[in-house]
Amino acid sequence: MAAASTSMAATAVFASRFPLSSTTKAAPARCSALPYLPPRLSATAFPSSLKFAVPKRSSLLQVKASSSEESGAVDTSELLTDLKEKWDALDNKSTVIVYGGGAIVAVWLSSVVVGAINSVPLLPKIMELVGLGYTGWFVYRYLLFKSSRKELAEDIEQLKKKIAGTE
């Protein structure tokens, strides 16, 4: 009985706010917690042949892509033949395959290590601070002054010569 009286009271409150037909006089405007919703549109309100107008854009903002030989496009057949020639010129193909496989394994292993370090609660932030500190030291040591920039360039050139085997 209590549930029935509560629902009757709720019906009475809503009934006074919303008129039942258009012939009944509307109640005076009151503030309501319910928003006014517009009437629903039927499915035929949006025909399937409806076409939307595309806004025209300024011709200054349009960019057209084009292909030309002058733009430095890479010829894939030339690239493949060049790679094939270099592969055929190699003496120790097995060494190159082993080094390539080792590089792939090293990248995968470093990814696993970084993921493990990242899962430790405070360690990633400490590593960020160490990285920022090293970056600051490197800038101060090698990039801030002209003489130290020359020293860095010389060190890089020596390292290139060592890697290439010309030293």
N, C-alpha and C. Protein backbone atom coordinates (compact mmCIF):
# COMPACT_ATOMS: atom_id res chain seq x y z
N MET A 1 0.82 -1.18 0.00
CA MET A 1 0.00 0.00 0.00
C MET A 1 0.87 1.25 0.00
N ALA A 2 1.99 1.21 0.76
CA ALA A 2 2.88 2.36 0.81
C ALA A 2 3.51 2.60 -0.54
N ALA A 3 3.88 1.52 -1.25
CA ALA A 3 4.48 1.67 -2.57
C ALA A 3 3.48 2.26 -3.55
N ALA A 4 2.25 1.86 -3.45
CA ALA A 4 1.23 2.37 -4.36
C ALA A 4 0.98 3.85 -4.12
N SER A 5 0.98 4.27 -2.86
CA SER A 5 0.74 5.69 -2.58
C SER A 5 1.92 6.54 -3.02
N THR A 6 3.14 6.00 -2.93
CA THR A 6 4.32 6.75 -3.37
C THR A 6 4.28 6.93 -4.88
N SER A 7 3.92 5.89 -5.62
CA SER A 7 3.86 6.01 -7.07
C SER A 7 2.73 6.93 -7.49
N MET A 8 1.64 6.95 -6.72
CA MET A 8 0.53 7.85 -7.02
C MET A 8 0.96 9.29 -6.81
N ALA A 9 1.75 9.54 -5.76
CA ALA A 9 2.22 10.89 -5.49
C ALA A 9 3.16 11.35 -6.59
N ALA A 10 4.03 10.45 -7.06
CA ALA A 10 4.95 10.81 -8.12
C ALA A 10 4.19 11.09 -9.41
N THR A 11 3.14 10.32 -9.67
CA THR A 11 2.33 10.54 -10.86
C THR A 11 1.61 11.88 -10.76
N ALA A 12 1.15 12.20 -9.58
CA ALA A 12 0.44 13.45 -9.39
C ALA A 12 1.37 14.64 -9.61
N VAL A 13 2.64 14.52 -9.16
CA VAL A 13 3.59 15.61 -9.34
C VAL A 13 3.89 15.81 -10.82
N PHE A 14 4.12 14.71 -11.56
CA PHE A 14 4.43 14.82 -12.97
C PHE A 14 3.20 15.26 -13.77
N ALA A 15 2.04 14.84 -13.34
CA ALA A 15 0.83 15.19 -14.06
C ALA A 15 0.57 16.69 -14.00
N SER A 16 0.91 17.32 -12.90
CA SER A 16 0.66 18.74 -12.80
C SER A 16 1.65 19.56 -13.62
N ARG A 17 2.83 19.00 -13.90
CA ARG A 17 3.84 19.74 -14.66
C ARG A 17 3.65 19.57 -16.17
N PHE A 18 3.16 18.46 -16.61
CA PHE A 18 3.02 18.20 -18.03
C PHE A 18 1.55 18.04 -18.37
N PRO A 19 0.99 18.90 -19.18
CA PRO A 19 -0.44 18.77 -19.53
C PRO A 19 -0.66 17.51 -20.38
N LEU A 20 -1.84 16.93 -20.23
CA LEU A 20 -2.17 15.69 -20.92
C LEU A 20 -2.56 15.93 -22.37
N SER A 21 -3.15 17.04 -22.67
CA SER A 21 -3.52 17.30 -24.05
C SER A 21 -3.32 18.78 -24.34
N SER A 22 -3.43 19.13 -25.61
CA SER A 22 -3.20 20.51 -25.98
C SER A 22 -4.39 21.40 -25.62
N THR A 23 -5.54 20.80 -25.30
CA THR A 23 -6.71 21.60 -24.96
C THR A 23 -6.68 22.03 -23.51
N THR A 24 -5.92 21.31 -22.67
CA THR A 24 -5.87 21.67 -21.26
C THR A 24 -4.96 22.88 -21.10
N LYS A 25 -5.29 23.70 -20.14
CA LYS A 25 -4.46 24.87 -19.86
C LYS A 25 -3.19 24.41 -19.17
N ALA A 26 -2.08 24.99 -19.58
CA ALA A 26 -0.79 24.63 -18.99
C ALA A 26 -0.68 25.25 -17.61
N ALA A 27 -0.02 24.52 -16.74
CA ALA A 27 0.22 25.03 -15.39
C ALA A 27 1.23 26.16 -15.48
N PRO A 28 1.29 27.02 -14.48
CA PRO A 28 2.28 28.10 -14.51
C PRO A 28 3.69 27.51 -14.57
N ALA A 29 4.60 28.26 -15.19
CA ALA A 29 5.98 27.80 -15.36
C ALA A 29 6.65 27.62 -14.02
N ARG A 30 7.24 26.46 -13.82
CA ARG A 30 7.96 26.13 -12.60
C ARG A 30 9.33 25.59 -12.99
N CYS A 31 10.25 25.70 -12.06
CA CYS A 31 11.56 25.11 -12.29
C CYS A 31 11.45 23.61 -12.11
N SER A 32 12.03 22.88 -13.02
CA SER A 32 11.97 21.44 -12.96
C SER A 32 13.36 20.87 -13.13
N ALA A 33 13.60 19.73 -12.52
CA ALA A 33 14.89 19.08 -12.65
C ALA A 33 15.00 18.34 -13.97
N LEU A 34 13.88 18.10 -14.61
CA LEU A 34 13.90 17.38 -15.88
C LEU A 34 14.06 18.36 -17.03
N PRO A 35 14.93 18.11 -17.95
CA PRO A 35 15.11 19.02 -19.08
C PRO A 35 13.99 18.85 -20.10
N TYR A 36 13.75 19.88 -20.88
CA TYR A 36 12.77 19.81 -21.94
C TYR A 36 13.39 19.06 -23.11
N LEU A 37 12.71 18.04 -23.59
CA LEU A 37 13.19 17.27 -24.71
C LEU A 37 12.32 17.57 -25.93
N PRO A 38 12.93 17.78 -27.08
CA PRO A 38 12.14 18.03 -28.28
C PRO A 38 11.44 16.76 -28.72
N PRO A 39 10.39 16.89 -29.51
CA PRO A 39 9.68 15.68 -29.95
C PRO A 39 10.58 14.83 -30.84
N ARG A 40 10.35 13.52 -30.80
CA ARG A 40 11.15 12.59 -31.61
C ARG A 40 10.80 12.73 -33.07
N LEU A 41 11.84 12.60 -33.90
CA LEU A 41 11.62 12.65 -35.33
C LEU A 41 11.44 11.24 -35.86
N SER A 42 10.62 11.10 -36.85
CA SER A 42 10.39 9.76 -37.40
C SER A 42 11.54 9.40 -38.34
N ALA A 43 11.58 8.15 -38.76
CA ALA A 43 12.65 7.68 -39.63
C ALA A 43 12.57 8.31 -41.01
N THR A 44 11.40 8.78 -41.41
CA THR A 44 11.26 9.38 -42.73
C THR A 44 11.70 10.84 -42.74
N ALA A 45 12.07 11.39 -41.59
CA ALA A 45 12.50 12.78 -41.54
C ALA A 45 13.85 12.97 -42.20
N PHE A 46 14.66 11.90 -42.28
CA PHE A 46 15.97 11.97 -42.91
C PHE A 46 15.98 11.08 -44.14
N PRO A 47 15.71 11.62 -45.30
CA PRO A 47 15.70 10.78 -46.50
C PRO A 47 17.12 10.31 -46.83
N SER A 48 17.18 9.14 -47.47
CA SER A 48 18.49 8.57 -47.76
C SER A 48 19.21 9.32 -48.87
N SER A 49 18.51 10.11 -49.65
CA SER A 49 19.16 10.84 -50.74
C SER A 49 19.62 12.22 -50.32
N LEU A 50 19.73 12.44 -49.02
CA LEU A 50 20.14 13.73 -48.49
C LEU A 50 21.61 13.97 -48.83
N LYS A 51 21.92 15.11 -49.45
CA LYS A 51 23.30 15.42 -49.82
C LYS A 51 23.74 16.64 -49.05
N PHE A 52 24.93 16.56 -48.49
CA PHE A 52 25.48 17.66 -47.72
C PHE A 52 26.39 18.48 -48.62
N ALA A 53 26.35 19.77 -48.44
CA ALA A 53 27.22 20.65 -49.22
C ALA A 53 28.60 20.68 -48.57
N VAL A 54 29.62 20.51 -49.37
CA VAL A 54 30.99 20.54 -48.88
C VAL A 54 31.46 21.98 -48.93
N PRO A 55 31.93 22.51 -47.79
CA PRO A 55 32.37 23.90 -47.81
C PRO A 55 33.61 24.05 -48.67
N LYS A 56 33.65 25.13 -49.43
CA LYS A 56 34.81 25.38 -50.29
C LYS A 56 35.91 26.01 -49.47
N ARG A 57 37.12 25.57 -49.75
CA ARG A 57 38.27 26.09 -49.02
C ARG A 57 39.04 27.04 -49.92
N SER A 58 39.79 27.86 -49.29
CA SER A 58 40.60 28.80 -50.04
C SER A 58 41.66 28.06 -50.84
N SER A 59 41.93 28.53 -52.05
CA SER A 59 42.92 27.86 -52.88
C SER A 59 44.33 28.03 -52.33
N LEU A 60 44.52 28.97 -51.42
CA LEU A 60 45.83 29.16 -50.82
C LEU A 60 46.19 28.01 -49.87
N LEU A 61 45.19 27.34 -49.33
CA LEU A 61 45.44 26.29 -48.35
C LEU A 61 45.52 24.91 -48.98
N GLN A 62 45.26 24.80 -50.28
CA GLN A 62 45.28 23.49 -50.91
C GLN A 62 46.72 23.13 -51.30
N VAL A 63 47.07 21.89 -51.04
CA VAL A 63 48.39 21.37 -51.38
C VAL A 63 48.19 20.17 -52.28
N LYS A 64 48.89 20.16 -53.36
CA LYS A 64 48.78 19.03 -54.28
C LYS A 64 50.10 18.28 -54.30
N ALA A 65 50.02 16.97 -54.20
CA ALA A 65 51.22 16.14 -54.24
C ALA A 65 51.47 15.71 -55.67
N SER A 66 52.72 15.74 -56.06
CA SER A 66 53.07 15.31 -57.40
C SER A 66 54.39 14.55 -57.33
N SER A 67 54.57 13.71 -58.29
CA SER A 67 55.80 12.92 -58.35
C SER A 67 56.64 13.41 -59.52
N SER A 68 57.90 13.66 -59.25
CA SER A 68 58.79 14.06 -60.32
C SER A 68 60.17 13.48 -60.03
N GLU A 69 60.95 13.35 -61.07
CA GLU A 69 62.29 12.80 -60.93
C GLU A 69 63.22 13.78 -60.22
N GLU A 70 62.90 15.07 -60.27
CA GLU A 70 63.74 16.08 -59.66
C GLU A 70 63.67 16.06 -58.14
N SER A 71 62.58 15.55 -57.57
CA SER A 71 62.38 15.62 -56.13
C SER A 71 63.21 14.59 -55.36
N GLY A 72 64.02 13.81 -56.04
CA GLY A 72 64.88 12.85 -55.36
C GLY A 72 64.15 11.58 -54.98
N ALA A 73 63.19 11.16 -55.78
CA ALA A 73 62.44 9.95 -55.50
C ALA A 73 63.37 8.75 -55.63
N VAL A 74 63.19 7.77 -54.78
CA VAL A 74 64.04 6.59 -54.77
C VAL A 74 63.45 5.55 -55.71
N ASP A 75 64.26 5.06 -56.62
CA ASP A 75 63.85 4.01 -57.54
C ASP A 75 64.05 2.67 -56.83
N THR A 76 62.97 1.95 -56.61
CA THR A 76 63.05 0.71 -55.82
C THR A 76 63.84 -0.37 -56.56
N SER A 77 63.68 -0.44 -57.86
CA SER A 77 64.42 -1.48 -58.59
C SER A 77 65.93 -1.22 -58.53
N GLU A 78 66.30 0.06 -58.61
CA GLU A 78 67.72 0.41 -58.49
C GLU A 78 68.25 0.09 -57.10
N LEU A 79 67.43 0.37 -56.09
CA LEU A 79 67.83 0.09 -54.71
C LEU A 79 68.01 -1.41 -54.50
N LEU A 80 67.07 -2.21 -55.02
CA LEU A 80 67.17 -3.66 -54.85
C LEU A 80 68.38 -4.23 -55.58
N THR A 81 68.64 -3.74 -56.77
CA THR A 81 69.81 -4.26 -57.49
C THR A 81 71.11 -3.86 -56.78
N ASP A 82 71.13 -2.66 -56.22
CA ASP A 82 72.32 -2.21 -55.47
C ASP A 82 72.53 -3.08 -54.24
N LEU A 83 71.45 -3.37 -53.50
CA LEU A 83 71.57 -4.24 -52.32
C LEU A 83 72.00 -5.65 -52.72
N LYS A 84 71.48 -6.17 -53.84
CA LYS A 84 71.86 -7.51 -54.29
C LYS A 84 73.35 -7.56 -54.65
N GLU A 85 73.83 -6.51 -55.30
CA GLU A 85 75.25 -6.46 -55.64
C GLU A 85 76.13 -6.44 -54.39
N LYS A 86 75.73 -5.66 -53.40
CA LYS A 86 76.51 -5.60 -52.16
C LYS A 86 76.46 -6.94 -51.42
N TRP A 87 75.30 -7.62 -51.44
CA TRP A 87 75.18 -8.91 -50.77
C TRP A 87 76.05 -9.95 -51.48
N ASP A 88 76.07 -9.91 -52.80
CA ASP A 88 76.89 -10.86 -53.55
C ASP A 88 78.39 -10.59 -53.37
N ALA A 89 78.75 -9.33 -53.09
CA ALA A 89 80.16 -8.97 -52.91
C ALA A 89 80.70 -9.38 -51.54
N LEU A 90 79.82 -9.72 -50.61
CA LEU A 90 80.27 -10.10 -49.26
C LEU A 90 80.94 -11.47 -49.28
N ASP A 91 82.02 -11.59 -48.50
CA ASP A 91 82.71 -12.87 -48.40
C ASP A 91 82.11 -13.74 -47.30
N ASN A 92 81.88 -13.14 -46.13
CA ASN A 92 81.36 -13.87 -44.97
C ASN A 92 79.89 -13.52 -44.75
N LYS A 93 79.03 -14.16 -45.49
CA LYS A 93 77.59 -13.89 -45.35
C LYS A 93 77.06 -14.41 -44.02
N SER A 94 77.64 -15.50 -43.56
CA SER A 94 77.18 -16.05 -42.28
C SER A 94 77.49 -15.11 -41.13
N THR A 95 78.61 -14.40 -41.20
CA THR A 95 78.97 -13.44 -40.15
C THR A 95 77.97 -12.29 -40.11
N VAL A 96 77.56 -11.82 -41.28
CA VAL A 96 76.59 -10.72 -41.35
C VAL A 96 75.24 -11.18 -40.77
N ILE A 97 74.85 -12.40 -41.09
CA ILE A 97 73.58 -12.94 -40.57
C ILE A 97 73.65 -13.08 -39.05
N VAL A 98 74.79 -13.57 -38.53
CA VAL A 98 74.95 -13.72 -37.08
C VAL A 98 74.91 -12.35 -36.40
N TYR A 99 75.62 -11.36 -36.97
CA TYR A 99 75.61 -10.02 -36.37
C TYR A 99 74.22 -9.40 -36.43
N GLY A 100 73.51 -9.59 -37.55
CA GLY A 100 72.15 -9.06 -37.66
C GLY A 100 71.21 -9.71 -36.66
N GLY A 101 71.31 -11.03 -36.53
CA GLY A 101 70.48 -11.73 -35.53
C GLY A 101 70.83 -11.30 -34.12
N GLY A 102 72.13 -11.12 -33.86
CA GLY A 102 72.55 -10.65 -32.54
C GLY A 102 72.02 -9.26 -32.24
N ALA A 103 71.98 -8.40 -33.26
CA ALA A 103 71.44 -7.05 -33.06
C ALA A 103 69.95 -7.10 -32.73
N ILE A 104 69.21 -7.97 -33.42
CA ILE A 104 67.78 -8.10 -33.14
C ILE A 104 67.55 -8.63 -31.72
N VAL A 105 68.34 -9.63 -31.32
CA VAL A 105 68.22 -10.16 -29.96
C VAL A 105 68.59 -9.10 -28.92
N ALA A 106 69.61 -8.29 -29.21
CA ALA A 106 70.02 -7.23 -28.28
C ALA A 106 68.92 -6.18 -28.11
N VAL A 107 68.27 -5.81 -29.20
CA VAL A 107 67.17 -4.84 -29.11
C VAL A 107 66.02 -5.43 -28.31
N TRP A 108 65.68 -6.70 -28.55
CA TRP A 108 64.60 -7.34 -27.80
C TRP A 108 64.95 -7.43 -26.31
N LEU A 109 66.20 -7.82 -26.00
CA LEU A 109 66.62 -7.95 -24.61
C LEU A 109 66.62 -6.60 -23.90
N SER A 110 67.07 -5.56 -24.59
CA SER A 110 67.06 -4.24 -23.96
C SER A 110 65.63 -3.77 -23.73
N SER A 111 64.71 -4.13 -24.62
CA SER A 111 63.30 -3.79 -24.41
C SER A 111 62.75 -4.48 -23.17
N VAL A 112 63.13 -5.74 -22.97
CA VAL A 112 62.69 -6.48 -21.78
C VAL A 112 63.25 -5.84 -20.51
N VAL A 113 64.54 -5.47 -20.55
CA VAL A 113 65.18 -4.85 -19.38
C VAL A 113 64.53 -3.51 -19.05
N VAL A 114 64.27 -2.70 -20.07
CA VAL A 114 63.63 -1.41 -19.83
C VAL A 114 62.22 -1.60 -19.27
N GLY A 115 61.50 -2.60 -19.76
CA GLY A 115 60.17 -2.89 -19.22
C GLY A 115 60.23 -3.32 -17.76
N ALA A 116 61.24 -4.11 -17.40
CA ALA A 116 61.39 -4.54 -16.01
C ALA A 116 61.75 -3.35 -15.12
N ILE A 117 62.63 -2.48 -15.59
CA ILE A 117 63.00 -1.30 -14.81
C ILE A 117 61.80 -0.38 -14.65
N ASN A 118 60.99 -0.28 -15.69
CA ASN A 118 59.83 0.60 -15.66
C ASN A 118 58.77 0.12 -14.68
N SER A 119 58.76 -1.17 -14.35
CA SER A 119 57.75 -1.69 -13.43
C SER A 119 58.12 -1.49 -11.96
N VAL A 120 59.37 -1.16 -11.66
CA VAL A 120 59.79 -0.89 -10.28
C VAL A 120 59.30 0.52 -9.92
N PRO A 121 58.67 0.71 -8.74
CA PRO A 121 57.98 1.97 -8.46
C PRO A 121 58.78 3.26 -8.62
N LEU A 122 59.89 3.47 -7.96
CA LEU A 122 60.58 4.75 -8.03
C LEU A 122 61.71 4.80 -9.05
N LEU A 123 62.10 3.66 -9.55
CA LEU A 123 63.27 3.60 -10.42
C LEU A 123 63.14 4.40 -11.72
N PRO A 124 61.99 4.42 -12.40
CA PRO A 124 61.91 5.21 -13.63
C PRO A 124 62.17 6.70 -13.40
N LYS A 125 61.66 7.26 -12.31
CA LYS A 125 61.88 8.68 -12.04
C LYS A 125 63.35 8.95 -11.70
N ILE A 126 63.98 8.02 -10.99
CA ILE A 126 65.40 8.18 -10.68
C ILE A 126 66.22 8.12 -11.97
N MET A 127 65.85 7.20 -12.87
CA MET A 127 66.55 7.10 -14.15
C MET A 127 66.36 8.37 -14.98
N GLU A 128 65.19 8.98 -14.92
CA GLU A 128 64.96 10.24 -15.62
C GLU A 128 65.88 11.33 -15.07
N LEU A 129 66.02 11.38 -13.74
CA LEU A 129 66.90 12.37 -13.14
C LEU A 129 68.36 12.14 -13.54
N VAL A 130 68.77 10.87 -13.58
CA VAL A 130 70.13 10.56 -14.00
C VAL A 130 70.33 10.99 -15.45
N GLY A 131 69.36 10.73 -16.31
CA GLY A 131 69.45 11.12 -17.71
C GLY A 131 69.51 12.63 -17.88
N LEU A 132 68.68 13.36 -17.11
CA LEU A 132 68.73 14.82 -17.17
C LEU A 132 70.07 15.35 -16.69
N GLY A 133 70.60 14.74 -15.62
CA GLY A 133 71.91 15.16 -15.12
C GLY A 133 73.01 14.92 -16.13
N TYR A 134 73.00 13.76 -16.77
CA TYR A 134 74.01 13.46 -17.79
C TYR A 134 73.88 14.40 -18.98
N THR A 135 72.64 14.69 -19.38
CA THR A 135 72.43 15.61 -20.50
C THR A 135 72.99 16.99 -20.17
N GLY A 136 72.72 17.46 -18.96
CA GLY A 136 73.27 18.76 -18.54
C GLY A 136 74.79 18.76 -18.54
N TRP A 137 75.39 17.67 -18.03
CA TRP A 137 76.85 17.58 -18.02
C TRP A 137 77.40 17.57 -19.44
N PHE A 138 76.77 16.81 -20.35
CA PHE A 138 77.24 16.71 -21.73
C PHE A 138 77.17 18.07 -22.42
N VAL A 139 76.08 18.80 -22.21
CA VAL A 139 75.95 20.13 -22.81
C VAL A 139 77.04 21.05 -22.27
N TYR A 140 77.26 21.02 -20.96
CA TYR A 140 78.28 21.88 -20.36
C TYR A 140 79.67 21.49 -20.85
N ARG A 141 79.94 20.18 -20.94
CA ARG A 141 81.28 19.70 -21.27
C ARG A 141 81.61 19.86 -22.75
N TYR A 142 80.64 19.58 -23.65
CA TYR A 142 80.97 19.51 -25.07
C TYR A 142 80.30 20.56 -25.96
N LEU A 143 79.19 21.13 -25.57
CA LEU A 143 78.45 21.98 -26.49
C LEU A 143 78.46 23.47 -26.14
N LEU A 144 78.82 23.82 -24.94
CA LEU A 144 78.68 25.21 -24.50
C LEU A 144 79.77 26.11 -25.07
N PHE A 145 80.97 25.64 -25.15
CA PHE A 145 82.10 26.47 -25.59
C PHE A 145 82.62 26.00 -26.93
N LYS A 146 83.18 26.94 -27.71
CA LYS A 146 83.65 26.65 -29.06
C LYS A 146 84.80 25.64 -29.06
N SER A 147 85.74 25.77 -28.12
CA SER A 147 86.87 24.84 -28.09
C SER A 147 86.42 23.42 -27.77
N SER A 148 85.44 23.28 -26.90
CA SER A 148 84.96 21.94 -26.56
C SER A 148 84.14 21.34 -27.71
N ARG A 149 83.47 22.18 -28.50
CA ARG A 149 82.76 21.67 -29.68
C ARG A 149 83.76 21.12 -30.70
N LYS A 150 84.89 21.82 -30.87
CA LYS A 150 85.93 21.33 -31.78
C LYS A 150 86.48 20.00 -31.29
N GLU A 151 86.68 19.89 -29.98
CA GLU A 151 87.17 18.63 -29.40
C GLU A 151 86.19 17.49 -29.65
N LEU A 152 84.90 17.76 -29.50
CA LEU A 152 83.87 16.74 -29.76
C LEU A 152 83.88 16.33 -31.22
N ALA A 153 84.02 17.29 -32.14
CA ALA A 153 84.06 16.97 -33.57
C ALA A 153 85.27 16.09 -33.89
N GLU A 154 86.41 16.40 -33.28
CA GLU A 154 87.61 15.59 -33.50
C GLU A 154 87.43 14.17 -32.95
N ASP A 155 86.82 14.06 -31.77
CA ASP A 155 86.56 12.74 -31.19
C ASP A 155 85.63 11.92 -32.08
N ILE A 156 84.63 12.56 -32.65
CA ILE A 156 83.69 11.85 -33.53
C ILE A 156 84.40 11.39 -34.79
N GLU A 157 85.25 12.23 -35.35
CA GLU A 157 86.00 11.85 -36.55
C GLU A 157 86.94 10.67 -36.27
N GLN A 158 87.60 10.67 -35.10
CA GLN A 158 88.47 9.54 -34.74
C GLN A 158 87.66 8.26 -34.59
N LEU A 159 86.48 8.36 -34.00
CA LEU A 159 85.62 7.19 -33.83
C LEU A 159 85.16 6.66 -35.19
N LYS A 160 84.82 7.58 -36.11
CA LYS A 160 84.45 7.15 -37.46
C LYS A 160 85.59 6.40 -38.14
N LYS A 161 86.82 6.91 -37.98
CA LYS A 161 87.96 6.25 -38.59
C LYS A 161 88.21 4.87 -37.99
N LYS A 162 88.02 4.74 -36.66
CA LYS A 162 88.21 3.44 -36.01
C LYS A 162 87.16 2.44 -36.51
N ILE A 163 85.91 2.90 -36.66
CA ILE A 163 84.84 1.99 -37.10
C ILE A 163 85.08 1.59 -38.55
N ALA A 164 85.47 2.53 -39.38
CA ALA A 164 85.69 2.24 -40.81
C ALA A 164 86.97 1.44 -41.03
N GLY A 165 87.89 1.47 -40.08
CA GLY A 165 89.12 0.73 -40.21
C GLY A 165 90.19 1.46 -41.00
N THR A 166 90.07 2.77 -41.12
CA THR A 166 91.06 3.52 -41.89
C THR A 166 92.16 4.08 -41.01
N GLU A 167 92.12 3.86 -39.72
CA GLU A 167 93.15 4.39 -38.83
C GLU A 167 94.20 3.37 -38.52
